[in-house]
PDB file of N, CA and C in Angstrom:
ATOM      1  N   MET A   1      91.190  87.715  98.442  1.00  0.00           N
ATOM      2  CA  MET A   1      90.251  88.014  97.505  1.00  0.00           C
ATOM      3  C   MET A   1      89.466  89.463  99.190  1.00  0.00           C
ATOM      4  N   GLN A   2      89.657  90.733  98.345  1.00  0.00           N
ATOM      5  CA  GLN A   2      89.044  91.700  99.548  1.00  0.00           C
ATOM      6  C   GLN A   2      87.930  91.595  99.251  1.00  0.00           C
ATOM      7  N   LEU A   3      86.915  91.666 100.325  1.00  0.00           N
ATOM      8  CA  LEU A   3      85.344  91.638 100.376  1.00  0.00           C
ATOM      9  C   LEU A   3      85.122  92.762  99.315  1.00  0.00           C
ATOM     10  N   MET A   4      85.411  94.007  99.105  1.00  0.00           N
ATOM     11  CA  MET A   4      85.145  95.269  97.765  1.00  0.00           C
ATOM     12  C   MET A   4      85.244  94.564  96.457  1.00  0.00           C
ATOM     13  N   GLU A   5      86.423  93.876  96.212  1.00  0.00           N
ATOM     14  CA  GLU A   5      86.491  93.030  94.809  1.00  0.00           C
ATOM     15  C   GLU A   5      85.523  91.940  94.921  1.00  0.00           C
ATOM     16  N   ILE A   6      85.184  91.262  95.836  1.00  0.00           N
ATOM     17  CA  ILE A   6      84.355  89.952  95.439  1.00  0.00           C
ATOM     18  C   ILE A   6      83.042  90.674  95.583  1.00  0.00           C
ATOM     19  N   LEU A   7      81.939  91.722  95.920  1.00  0.00           N
ATOM     20  CA  LEU A   7      81.326  92.522  95.676  1.00  0.00           C
ATOM     21  C   LEU A   7      81.339  93.228  94.342  1.00  0.00           C
ATOM     22  N   GLY A   8      82.370  93.586  94.100  1.00  0.00           N
ATOM     23  CA  GLY A   8      82.109  94.211  92.700  1.00  0.00           C
ATOM     24  C   GLY A   8      82.261  92.645  92.017  1.00  0.00           C
ATOM     25  N   LYS A   9      82.949  92.054  91.732  1.00  0.00           N
ATOM     26  CA  LYS A   9      82.590  90.875  91.079  1.00  0.00           C
ATOM     27  C   LYS A   9      80.857  90.394  90.836  1.00  0.00           C
ATOM     28  N   ILE A  10      80.203  90.263  92.227  1.00  0.00           N
ATOM     29  CA  ILE A  10      78.735  90.057  92.591  1.00  0.00           C
ATOM     30  C   ILE A  10      77.901  90.664  91.376  1.00  0.00           C
ATOM     31  N   LEU A  11      78.495  92.163  91.789  1.00  0.00           N
ATOM     32  CA  LEU A  11      77.241  93.064  91.361  1.00  0.00           C
ATOM     33  C   LEU A  11      77.756  93.896  90.052  1.00  0.00           C
ATOM     34  N   GLY A  12      79.064  93.414  89.471  1.00  0.00           N
ATOM     35  CA  GLY A  12      79.350  93.744  88.256  1.00  0.00           C
ATOM     36  C   GLY A  12      79.989  95.031  87.968  1.00  0.00           C
ATOM     37  N   SER A  13      80.578  95.886  89.198  1.00  0.00           N
ATOM     38  CA  SER A  13      81.340  96.989  89.239  1.00  0.00           C
ATOM     39  C   SER A  13      82.155  97.197  90.726  1.00  0.00           C
ATOM     40  N   PRO A  14      83.147  97.388  90.675  1.00  0.00           N
ATOM     41  CA  PRO A  14      83.957  97.930  91.731  1.00  0.00           C
ATOM     42  C   PRO A  14      83.373  99.391  92.140  1.00  0.00           C
ATOM     43  N   ALA A  15      83.088  99.742  91.031  1.00  0.00           N
ATOM     44  CA  ALA A  15      82.910 101.385  91.128  1.00  0.00           C
ATOM     45  C   ALA A  15      81.291 101.406  91.804  1.00  0.00           C
ATOM     46  N   ARG A  16      80.388 100.777  91.543  1.00  0.00           N
ATOM     47  CA  ARG A  16      79.105 100.411  91.644  1.00  0.00           C
ATOM     48  C   ARG A  16      79.342 100.302  93.247  1.00  0.00           C
ATOM     49  N   VAL A  17      79.825  98.999  94.139  1.00  0.00           N
ATOM     50  CA  VAL A  17      79.689  99.255  95.159  1.00  0.00           C
ATOM     51  C   VAL A  17      80.204  99.838  96.021  1.00  0.00           C
ATOM     52  N   LYS A  18      80.989 100.848  95.548  1.00  0.00           N
ATOM     53  CA  LYS A  18      82.019 102.231  96.326  1.00  0.00           C
ATOM     54  C   LYS A  18      81.088 103.088  96.403  1.00  0.00           C
ATOM     55  N   ILE A  19      79.649 103.769  95.487  1.00  0.00           N
ATOM     56  CA  ILE A  19      78.930 104.284  95.546  1.00  0.00           C
ATOM     57  C   ILE A  19      77.585 103.927  95.996  1.00  0.00           C
ATOM     58  N   MET A  20      77.134 102.696  96.287  1.00  0.00           N
ATOM     59  CA  MET A  20      76.486 102.011  96.681  1.00  0.00           C
ATOM     60  C   MET A  20      76.625 102.434  98.034  1.00  0.00           C
ATOM     61  N   ARG A  21      77.522 102.118  98.664  1.00  0.00           N
ATOM     62  CA  ARG A  21      77.851 102.008 100.315  1.00  0.00           C
ATOM     63  C   ARG A  21      78.134 103.762 100.169  1.00  0.00           C
ATOM     64  N   LEU A  22      78.521 104.802  99.772  1.00  0.00           N
ATOM     65  CA  LEU A  22      78.459 105.961 100.255  1.00  0.00           C
ATOM     66  C   LEU A  22      77.230 106.248 100.398  1.00  0.00           C
ATOM     67  N   PHE A  23      75.967 105.806  99.554  1.00  0.00           N
ATOM     68  CA  PHE A  23      74.670 106.141  99.929  1.00  0.00           C
ATOM     69  C   PHE A  23      73.962 105.167 101.442  1.00  0.00           C
ATOM     70  N   LEU A  24      74.258 104.062 101.224  1.00  0.00           N
ATOM     71  CA  LEU A  24      74.121 103.384 102.519  1.00  0.00           C
ATOM     72  C   LEU A  24      74.438 103.630 103.829  1.00  0.00           C
ATOM     73  N   LEU A  25      75.823 104.083 103.374  1.00  0.00           N
ATOM     74  CA  LEU A  25      76.352 104.627 105.162  1.00  0.00           C
ATOM     75  C   LEU A  25      75.732 106.338 105.160  1.00  0.00           C
ATOM     76  N   ASN A  26      75.047 106.861 104.609  1.00  0.00           N
ATOM     77  CA  ASN A  26      74.471 107.929 104.713  1.00  0.00           C
ATOM     78  C   ASN A  26      73.425 108.370 103.843  1.00  0.00           C
ATOM     79  N   LYS A  27      72.401 107.699 104.699  1.00  0.00           N
ATOM     80  CA  LYS A  27      70.909 107.553 104.505  1.00  0.00           C
ATOM     81  C   LYS A  27      71.045 109.121 104.673  1.00  0.00           C
ATOM     82  N   GLY A  28      69.678 109.331 103.995  1.00  0.00           N
ATOM     83  CA  GLY A  28      69.020 110.573 104.543  1.00  0.00           C
ATOM     84  C   GLY A  28      69.916 111.734 103.936  1.00  0.00           C
ATOM     85  N   LYS A  29      71.263 111.920 103.502  1.00  0.00           N
ATOM     86  CA  LYS A  29      72.262 113.007 103.334  1.00  0.00           C
ATOM     87  C   LYS A  29      71.895 113.199 101.751  1.00  0.00           C
ATOM     88  N   TRP A  30      72.076 114.315 101.364  1.00  0.00           N
ATOM     89  CA  TRP A  30      72.191 114.516  99.493  1.00  0.00           C
ATOM     90  C   TRP A  30      73.332 114.997  99.346  1.00  0.00           C
ATOM     91  N   PHE A  31      73.974 114.186  98.156  1.00  0.00           N
ATOM     92  CA  PHE A  31      75.177 114.760  97.409  1.00  0.00           C
ATOM     93  C   PHE A  31      74.798 114.953  95.517  1.00  0.00           C
ATOM     94  N   LYS A  32      76.081 116.037  95.479  1.00  0.00           N
ATOM     95  CA  LYS A  32      75.890 116.756  94.252  1.00  0.00           C
ATOM     96  C   LYS A  32      76.936 115.644  93.482  1.00  0.00           C
ATOM     97  N   SER A  33      76.884 115.468  92.100  1.00  0.00           N
ATOM     98  CA  SER A  33      77.601 113.977  91.537  1.00  0.00           C
ATOM     99  C   SER A  33      79.236 114.549  92.014  1.00  0.00           C
ATOM    100  N   LYS A  34      79.648 115.644  92.037  1.00  0.00           N
ATOM    101  CA  LYS A  34      81.067 115.954  92.307  1.00  0.00           C
ATOM    102  C   LYS A  34      81.473 115.425  93.678  1.00  0.00           C
ATOM    103  N   ASP A  35      80.699 115.528  94.461  1.00  0.00           N
ATOM    104  CA  ASP A  35      80.931 114.785  95.968  1.00  0.00           C
ATOM    105  C   ASP A  35      80.786 113.756  95.713  1.00  0.00           C
ATOM    106  N   ILE A  36      80.113 112.623  95.097  1.00  0.00           N
ATOM    107  CA  ILE A  36      79.789 111.401  94.945  1.00  0.00           C
ATOM    108  C   ILE A  36      81.579 111.004  94.437  1.00  0.00           C
ATOM    109  N   MET A  37      81.731 111.603  93.173  1.00  0.00           N
ATOM    110  CA  MET A  37      82.712 111.382  92.531  1.00  0.00           C
ATOM    111  C   MET A  37      84.246 111.317  93.760  1.00  0.00           C
ATOM    112  N   LYS A  38      84.334 112.429  94.419  1.00  0.00           N
ATOM    113  CA  LYS A  38      85.283 112.717  95.439  1.00  0.00           C
ATOM    114  C   LYS A  38      85.531 111.873  96.561  1.00  0.00           C
ATOM    115  N   ARG A  39      83.778 111.501  97.301  1.00  0.00           N
ATOM    116  CA  ARG A  39      84.116 110.367  98.300  1.00  0.00           C
ATOM    117  C   ARG A  39      84.054 108.927  98.064  1.00  0.00           C
ATOM    118  N   SER A  40      83.701 108.594  96.749  1.00  0.00           N
ATOM    119  CA  SER A  40      83.588 107.553  96.287  1.00  0.00           C
ATOM    120  C   SER A  40      85.301 107.124  95.631  1.00  0.00           C
ATOM    121  N   GLN A  41      85.831 108.519  95.261  1.00  0.00           N
ATOM    122  CA  GLN A  41      87.182 107.900  94.326  1.00  0.00           C
ATOM    123  C   GLN A  41      87.085 106.927  93.271  1.00  0.00           C
ATOM    124  N   VAL A  42      86.096 107.574  92.625  1.00  0.00           N
ATOM    125  CA  VAL A  42      85.423 106.984  91.145  1.00  0.00           C
ATOM    126  C   VAL A  42      85.333 108.224  89.764  1.00  0.00           C
ATOM    127  N   GLY A  43      85.700 108.160  88.995  1.00  0.00           N
ATOM    128  CA  GLY A  43      85.921 108.917  87.581  1.00  0.00           C
ATOM    129  C   GLY A  43      84.668 109.402  86.987  1.00  0.00           C
ATOM    130  N   PRO A  44      84.124 110.568  86.840  1.00  0.00           N
ATOM    131  CA  PRO A  44      83.115 110.719  86.079  1.00  0.00           C
ATOM    132  C   PRO A  44      82.442 110.674  85.457  1.00  0.00           C
ATOM    133  N   ASN A  45      82.932 110.048  84.411  1.00  0.00           N
ATOM    134  CA  ASN A  45      81.992 109.009  83.377  1.00  0.00           C
ATOM    135  C   ASN A  45      81.388 107.975  84.021  1.00  0.00           C
ATOM    136  N   ILE A  46      82.333 107.242  84.773  1.00  0.00           N
ATOM    137  CA  ILE A  46      81.672 106.047  85.758  1.00  0.00           C
ATOM    138  C   ILE A  46      80.781 106.655  86.728  1.00  0.00           C
ATOM    139  N   VAL A  47      80.606 107.733  87.513  1.00  0.00           N
ATOM    140  CA  VAL A  47      79.972 108.264  88.116  1.00  0.00           C
ATOM    141  C   VAL A  47      78.842 108.289  87.435  1.00  0.00           C
ATOM    142  N   ARG A  48      78.475 108.705  86.397  1.00  0.00           N
ATOM    143  CA  ARG A  48      77.364 109.178  85.463  1.00  0.00           C
ATOM    144  C   ARG A  48      76.644 108.226  85.002  1.00  0.00           C
ATOM    145  N   ARG A  49      77.459 106.970  84.682  1.00  0.00           N
ATOM    146  CA  ARG A  49      76.844 105.674  84.175  1.00  0.00           C
ATOM    147  C   ARG A  49      76.114 104.845  85.572  1.00  0.00           C
ATOM    148  N   GLU A  50      77.091 105.059  86.638  1.00  0.00           N
ATOM    149  CA  GLU A  50      76.211 104.138  87.852  1.00  0.00           C
ATOM    150  C   GLU A  50      75.225 104.682  88.415  1.00  0.00           C
ATOM    151  N   ILE A  51      75.328 106.261  88.498  1.00  0.00           N
ATOM    152  CA  ILE A  51      73.930 107.008  88.883  1.00  0.00           C
ATOM    153  C   ILE A  51      73.124 106.846  88.267  1.00  0.00           C
ATOM    154  N   ARG A  52      73.234 107.103  86.820  1.00  0.00           N
ATOM    155  CA  ARG A  52      71.936 106.432  85.488  1.00  0.00           C
ATOM    156  C   ARG A  52      71.430 105.118  86.266  1.00  0.00           C
ATOM    157  N   LEU A  53      72.280 103.935  86.154  1.00  0.00           N
ATOM    158  CA  LEU A  53      71.802 102.668  86.762  1.00  0.00           C
ATOM    159  C   LEU A  53      71.130 102.623  87.857  1.00  0.00           C
ATOM    160  N   LEU A  54      71.874 102.856  89.222  1.00  0.00           N
ATOM    161  CA  LEU A  54      71.215 103.136  90.475  1.00  0.00           C
ATOM    162  C   LEU A  54      69.746 103.867  90.734  1.00  0.00           C
ATOM    163  N   SER A  55      69.577 104.816  89.669  1.00  0.00           N
ATOM    164  CA  SER A  55      68.406 105.921  89.672  1.00  0.00           C
ATOM    165  C   SER A  55      67.304 104.958  88.684  1.00  0.00           C
ATOM    166  N   SER A  56      68.093 104.144  88.121  1.00  0.00           N
ATOM    167  CA  SER A  56      66.440 103.415  86.818  1.00  0.00           C
ATOM    168  C   SER A  56      66.195 102.542  87.716  1.00  0.00           C
ATOM    169  N   VAL A  57      67.001 101.873  89.331  1.00  0.00           N
ATOM    170  CA  VAL A  57      66.224 100.578  89.773  1.00  0.00           C
ATOM    171  C   VAL A  57      65.725 101.516  90.840  1.00  0.00           C
ATOM    172  N   ASP A  58      65.631 102.713  90.976  1.00  0.00           N
ATOM    173  CA  ASP A  58      65.091 103.332  92.333  1.00  0.00           C
ATOM    174  C   ASP A  58      65.857 103.101  93.465  1.00  0.00           C
ATOM    175  N   PHE A  59      67.294 102.792  93.598  1.00  0.00           N
ATOM    176  CA  PHE A  59      68.309 102.605  94.454  1.00  0.00           C
ATOM    177  C   PHE A  59      68.196 104.150  95.221  1.00  0.00           C
ATOM    178  N   ILE A  60      68.232 104.977  94.572  1.00  0.00           N
ATOM    179  CA  ILE A  60      68.773 106.335  94.378  1.00  0.00           C
ATOM    180  C   ILE A  60      67.944 107.354  94.177  1.00  0.00           C
ATOM    181  N   LYS A  61      67.533 108.491  94.455  1.00  0.00           N
ATOM    182  CA  LYS A  61      66.637 109.550  93.887  1.00  0.00           C
ATOM    183  C   LYS A  61      67.030 111.035  93.881  1.00  0.00           C
ATOM    184  N   LYS A  62      66.809 111.624  92.616  1.00  0.00           N
ATOM    185  CA  LYS A  62      67.298 113.127  92.474  1.00  0.00           C
ATOM    186  C   LYS A  62      66.438 114.128  92.926  1.00  0.00           C
ATOM    187  N   ARG A  63      66.825 115.171  93.628  1.00  0.00           N
ATOM    188  CA  ARG A  63      66.056 116.403  94.099  1.00  0.00           C
ATOM    189  C   ARG A  63      67.122 117.328  93.212  1.00  0.00           C
ATOM    190  N   ILE A  64      66.703 118.107  92.248  1.00  0.00           N
ATOM    191  CA  ILE A  64      66.877 119.066  91.588  1.00  0.00           C
ATOM    192  C   ILE A  64      68.955 118.491  91.144  1.00  0.00           C
ATOM    193  N   GLN A  65      69.904 118.890  91.906  1.00  0.00           N
ATOM    194  CA  GLN A  65      71.066 118.203  90.822  1.00  0.00           C
ATOM    195  C   GLN A  65      71.417 117.076  92.552  1.00  0.00           C
ATOM    196  N   ASP A  66      70.515 117.072  93.438  1.00  0.00           N
ATOM    197  CA  ASP A  66      71.534 116.013  94.504  1.00  0.00           C
ATOM    198  C   ASP A  66      70.725 114.709  94.437  1.00  0.00           C
ATOM    199  N   TRP A  67      71.241 113.717  95.018  1.00  0.00           N
ATOM    200  CA  TRP A  67      70.843 112.463  94.835  1.00  0.00           C
ATOM    201  C   TRP A  67      71.223 112.200  96.184  1.00  0.00           C
ATOM    202  N   SER A  68      70.345 110.776  96.571  1.00  0.00           N
ATOM    203  CA  SER A  68      70.176 110.553  97.793  1.00  0.00           C
ATOM    204  C   SER A  68      69.332 109.326  97.919  1.00  0.00           C
ATOM    205  N   PHE A  69      69.669 107.989  98.826  1.00  0.00           N
ATOM    206  CA  PHE A  69      69.593 106.990  99.016  1.00  0.00           C
ATOM    207  C   PHE A  69      68.137 107.050  98.914  1.00  0.00           C
ATOM    208  N   ASN A  70      67.259 105.953  98.220  1.00  0.00           N
ATOM    209  CA  ASN A  70      65.815 106.148  98.190  1.00  0.00           C
ATOM    210  C   ASN A  70      65.395 105.049  99.059  1.00  0.00           C
TER     211      ASN A  70
END
């Protein structure tokens, strides 16, 4: 089993792992939702759901239409 699969099972979603990884590896950078979709290779509905969840636990923060690691 690959690490991403294991983390996906632990954290509840492989897409969440991809998005969290994007923010963790790019601290201090801001991303629009389209950039998150493209760079994490996750569909728009899933990105919206994961962004909502990650922002509700203060993992990411919002600035107008951009998102960054908190």
